[in-house]
Amino acid sequence: MFHDVKTTPLRWNLLPEVFEKVLEIVKPYSNTVTLTVDDGGVGNYSYIYPVLEKNELQGIFFIPTSFINSSENRRPSYMNSVQIREISQSGHIIGSHSHSHPKNISLLSRAKVLEEWRTSKEILEDITGRAVTACSIPGGFYNPAHLALLKELGYKQIYNSSPRYGVIEKDGQLIFGRFSIENDTRLSDIKSIVRRDRTIQTYLYARHWASKSLHTLLHRIKS
């Protein structure tokens, strides 16, 4: 799982030269590794998309639709509909990352969850002219109780942020975990991930579980 590539790295942003090094590691495993990109930042179009094209690799770009063609203080600029359509027409997959990217979608009401995923799907299908059947859970706050809602809307491939190998099939839906590649992720760890090293998976899973549990607890306290 990537987020963006920029000349000024932050936690979720890789430098262009680092992204290319990561792809050098991943490319030999392209038959067993799926490349996904969250959030729809403009670097998805400027850097990630052309580098994937150069390496003949396919990506899944998950877009939070309220961010399309927007720029705010402290936030990057985001892709516009023309750029998203071009990426889709080039053979990459466009998926939903919800509409507004809630801070913790797992705690929203059923009506709000439906609204988030339905609105996003309709906007993306209008842009690309193609069915949107894949989604990425914003912030990694995956709630299994929402699977039926996602199925109702036509989502068949569900990507969360749980760092684990393989895929789970449940009631006709495929549920994928992902390994987040961040600015401080070591290249040696990426090599271990693509080789399906169980030690790195165990460590990253424990860290992910602790982080999400703490975040959810704090969110409940503030609410």
Protein backbone atom coordinates (compact mmCIF):
# COMPACT_ATOMS: atom_id res chain seq x y z
CA MET A 1 0.00 0.00 0.00
CA PHE A 2 1.35 3.38 -1.10
CA HIS A 3 -0.09 6.85 -0.60
CA ASP A 4 1.88 9.40 -2.58
CA VAL A 5 5.24 10.27 -4.08
CA LYS A 6 6.55 13.79 -3.58
CA THR A 7 9.88 15.61 -3.69
CA THR A 8 9.39 16.46 0.01
CA PRO A 9 8.85 13.24 1.94
CA LEU A 10 6.46 12.93 4.85
CA ARG A 11 5.32 9.80 6.69
CA TRP A 12 3.05 8.64 3.86
CA ASN A 13 5.03 10.16 0.97
CA LEU A 14 8.02 8.55 -0.70
CA LEU A 15 10.71 10.35 -2.65
CA PRO A 16 10.60 9.53 -6.40
CA GLU A 17 13.96 7.74 -6.29
CA VAL A 18 12.85 5.66 -3.28
CA PHE A 19 9.62 4.66 -5.01
CA GLU A 20 11.62 3.42 -8.00
CA LYS A 21 13.86 1.37 -5.70
CA VAL A 22 10.80 -0.17 -4.08
CA LEU A 23 9.42 -1.17 -7.47
CA GLU A 24 12.75 -2.76 -8.38
CA ILE A 25 12.30 -5.02 -5.36
CA VAL A 26 8.62 -5.72 -6.05
CA LYS A 27 8.68 -6.23 -9.82
CA PRO A 28 10.05 -9.81 -9.79
CA TYR A 29 7.08 -10.71 -7.53
CA SER A 30 4.44 -8.99 -9.67
CA ASN A 31 2.49 -12.24 -10.05
CA THR A 32 1.96 -12.50 -6.29
CA VAL A 33 2.01 -8.86 -5.11
CA THR A 34 -0.79 -6.33 -5.66
CA LEU A 35 0.16 -2.64 -5.73
CA THR A 36 -2.45 -0.31 -4.24
CA VAL A 37 -2.43 3.47 -3.82
CA ASP A 38 -4.66 5.35 -1.38
CA ASP A 39 -5.95 8.93 -1.12
CA GLY A 40 -5.72 10.21 -4.72
CA GLY A 41 -2.95 12.79 -4.23
CA VAL A 42 -1.68 14.48 -7.38
CA GLY A 43 1.62 12.59 -7.03
CA ASN A 44 -0.40 9.49 -7.96
CA TYR A 45 -0.64 10.96 -11.44
CA SER A 46 2.70 12.80 -11.64
CA TYR A 47 4.93 10.03 -10.28
CA ILE A 48 3.27 6.74 -9.43
CA TYR A 49 1.20 6.23 -12.58
CA PRO A 50 4.02 6.91 -15.11
CA VAL A 51 6.51 4.77 -13.19
CA LEU A 52 4.05 1.88 -13.10
CA GLU A 53 3.53 2.32 -16.83
CA LYS A 54 7.28 2.31 -17.45
CA ASN A 55 7.63 -0.94 -15.51
CA GLU A 56 4.52 -2.51 -17.08
CA LEU A 57 2.90 -2.91 -13.66
CA GLN A 58 -0.75 -2.47 -12.80
CA GLY A 59 -1.97 -0.52 -9.78
CA ILE A 60 -5.25 -0.10 -7.95
CA PHE A 61 -5.90 3.57 -7.17
CA PHE A 62 -8.35 4.15 -4.32
CA ILE A 63 -9.93 7.61 -4.47
CA PRO A 64 -11.81 9.52 -1.72
CA THR A 65 -14.16 11.37 -4.04
CA SER A 66 -14.69 14.54 -2.00
CA PHE A 67 -10.96 15.21 -2.42
CA ILE A 68 -11.04 15.17 -6.24
CA ASN A 69 -9.56 18.36 -7.71
CA SER A 70 -9.16 19.97 -4.28
CA SER A 71 -6.36 21.60 -2.32
CA GLU A 72 -6.45 22.71 1.31
CA ASN A 73 -4.03 24.11 3.86
CA ARG A 74 -1.65 21.42 5.15
CA ARG A 75 -2.98 18.99 2.56
CA PRO A 76 -1.60 18.06 -0.84
CA SER A 77 -3.37 18.76 -4.08
CA TYR A 78 -5.46 15.91 -5.39
CA MET A 79 -6.04 14.46 -8.82
CA ASN A 80 -8.84 15.78 -11.00
CA SER A 81 -11.40 13.73 -12.90
CA VAL A 82 -9.48 13.95 -16.21
CA GLN A 83 -6.36 12.44 -14.60
CA ILE A 84 -8.36 9.71 -12.89
CA ARG A 85 -10.06 8.84 -16.19
CA GLU A 86 -6.70 8.61 -17.98
CA ILE A 87 -5.32 6.23 -15.36
CA SER A 88 -8.42 4.07 -15.71
CA GLN A 89 -8.24 4.04 -19.50
CA SER A 90 -4.58 2.98 -19.31
CA GLY A 91 -5.63 -0.28 -17.69
CA HIS A 92 -5.25 0.47 -13.99
CA ILE A 93 -8.10 -0.13 -11.57
CA ILE A 94 -9.96 2.72 -9.90
CA GLY A 95 -11.52 1.88 -6.56
CA SER A 96 -13.35 3.72 -3.80
CA HIS A 97 -11.71 5.06 -0.66
CA SER A 98 -15.08 6.31 0.62
CA HIS A 99 -16.42 9.80 -0.15
CA SER A 100 -15.10 12.01 2.65
CA HIS A 101 -12.45 9.73 4.23
CA PRO A 102 -13.95 9.74 7.76
CA LYS A 103 -11.51 9.65 10.66
CA ASN A 104 -13.01 6.36 11.85
CA ILE A 105 -15.59 4.91 9.48
CA SER A 106 -16.00 1.82 11.67
CA LEU A 107 -17.94 3.90 14.22
CA LEU A 108 -20.40 5.56 11.83
CA SER A 109 -24.09 4.68 11.65
CA ARG A 110 -25.36 2.30 8.99
CA ALA A 111 -26.95 5.18 7.06
CA LYS A 112 -23.72 7.21 7.01
CA VAL A 113 -21.64 4.21 5.96
CA LEU A 114 -24.01 3.53 3.07
CA GLU A 115 -23.90 7.18 2.04
CA GLU A 116 -20.09 7.25 2.06
CA TRP A 117 -19.67 4.17 -0.13
CA ARG A 118 -22.65 4.80 -2.43
CA THR A 119 -21.70 8.42 -3.20
CA SER A 120 -18.10 7.50 -3.93
CA LYS A 121 -19.06 4.60 -6.19
CA GLU A 122 -21.48 6.73 -8.23
CA ILE A 123 -18.95 9.53 -8.74
CA LEU A 124 -16.13 7.20 -9.78
CA GLU A 125 -18.31 5.20 -12.16
CA ASP A 126 -19.44 8.46 -13.75
CA ILE A 127 -15.79 9.52 -14.23
CA THR A 128 -14.43 6.23 -15.53
CA GLY A 129 -17.45 4.71 -17.24
CA ARG A 130 -16.59 1.43 -15.54
CA ALA A 131 -18.04 -0.53 -12.65
CA VAL A 132 -16.29 0.12 -9.33
CA THR A 133 -16.14 -3.13 -7.36
CA ALA A 134 -13.05 -2.58 -5.18
CA CYS A 135 -12.75 -0.42 -2.08
CA SER A 136 -10.13 0.48 0.48
CA ILE A 137 -11.16 1.15 4.09
CA PRO A 138 -10.05 4.68 5.10
CA GLY A 139 -7.57 4.77 7.94
CA GLY A 140 -7.62 1.01 8.13
CA PHE A 141 -10.65 1.06 10.45
CA TYR A 142 -12.17 -2.13 9.11
CA ASN A 143 -15.49 -3.22 10.60
CA PRO A 144 -16.58 -6.74 9.51
CA ALA A 145 -20.17 -5.75 10.26
CA HIS A 146 -20.04 -3.42 7.24
CA LEU A 147 -19.35 -6.22 4.74
CA ALA A 148 -23.04 -6.77 4.07
CA LEU A 149 -23.48 -3.06 3.31
CA LEU A 150 -20.56 -3.10 0.91
CA LYS A 151 -21.93 -6.20 -0.78
CA GLU A 152 -25.32 -4.52 -1.14
CA LEU A 153 -23.64 -1.71 -3.08
CA GLY A 154 -21.69 -4.07 -5.35
CA TYR A 155 -18.24 -4.05 -3.74
CA LYS A 156 -16.59 -7.42 -4.25
CA GLN A 157 -12.94 -6.76 -3.30
CA ILE A 158 -12.35 -5.22 0.12
CA TYR A 159 -8.88 -3.94 1.04
CA ASN A 160 -8.09 -3.13 4.66
CA SER A 161 -4.79 -2.13 6.28
CA SER A 162 -4.17 -5.28 8.26
CA PRO A 163 -0.63 -6.41 7.36
CA ARG A 164 -1.13 -10.04 6.47
CA TYR A 165 -0.64 -12.35 3.53
CA GLY A 166 -3.30 -14.06 1.49
CA VAL A 167 -6.96 -13.38 0.90
CA ILE A 168 -10.10 -14.29 2.83
CA GLU A 169 -13.28 -15.18 0.94
CA LYS A 170 -16.48 -14.46 2.82
CA ASP A 171 -19.96 -14.65 1.35
CA GLY A 172 -18.76 -13.94 -2.17
CA GLN A 173 -16.42 -11.08 -1.20
CA LEU A 174 -12.63 -11.14 -1.21
CA ILE A 175 -10.92 -9.45 1.74
CA PHE A 176 -7.28 -8.43 1.38
CA GLY A 177 -4.79 -7.24 3.96
CA ARG A 178 -2.01 -4.82 2.98
CA PHE A 179 1.46 -3.77 4.02
CA SER A 180 1.85 0.00 4.24
CA ILE A 181 5.05 1.34 2.66
CA GLU A 182 5.96 4.53 4.49
CA ASN A 183 8.80 7.03 4.34
CA ASP A 184 10.80 5.19 7.00
CA THR A 185 10.12 1.65 5.76
CA ARG A 186 13.46 -0.06 5.20
CA LEU A 187 14.16 -1.63 1.83
CA SER A 188 15.27 -4.77 3.66
CA ASP A 189 11.82 -5.00 5.25
CA ILE A 190 10.16 -4.64 1.85
CA LYS A 191 12.27 -7.55 0.60
CA SER A 192 11.07 -9.60 3.56
CA ILE A 193 7.44 -8.65 2.90
CA VAL A 194 7.45 -9.70 -0.77
CA ARG A 195 9.17 -12.95 0.21
CA ARG A 196 6.32 -13.57 2.68
CA ASP A 197 8.49 -13.61 5.77
CA ARG A 198 6.26 -14.55 8.72
CA THR A 199 8.49 -12.74 11.24
CA ILE A 200 7.99 -9.32 9.64
CA GLN A 201 4.27 -10.02 9.26
CA THR A 202 3.91 -10.82 12.96
CA TYR A 203 5.78 -7.68 14.01
CA LEU A 204 3.86 -5.36 11.66
CA TYR A 205 0.51 -6.92 12.55
CA ALA A 206 1.11 -6.39 16.29
CA ARG A 207 2.11 -2.75 15.68
CA HIS A 208 -0.93 -2.14 13.48
CA TRP A 209 -3.35 -3.70 15.98
CA ALA A 210 -1.96 -1.63 18.87
CA SER A 211 -2.11 1.62 16.89
CA LYS A 212 -5.69 1.12 15.68
CA SER A 213 -6.93 0.00 19.10
CA LEU A 214 -5.47 3.09 20.76
CA HIS A 215 -6.87 5.39 18.07
CA THR A 216 -10.36 3.90 18.39
CA LEU A 217 -10.26 4.18 22.19
CA LEU A 218 -9.25 7.85 22.03
CA HIS A 219 -11.92 8.55 19.42
CA ARG A 220 -14.60 7.04 21.68
CA ILE A 221 -13.39 9.07 24.66
CA LYS A 222 -13.50 12.33 22.68
CA SER A 223 -16.97 11.51 21.37
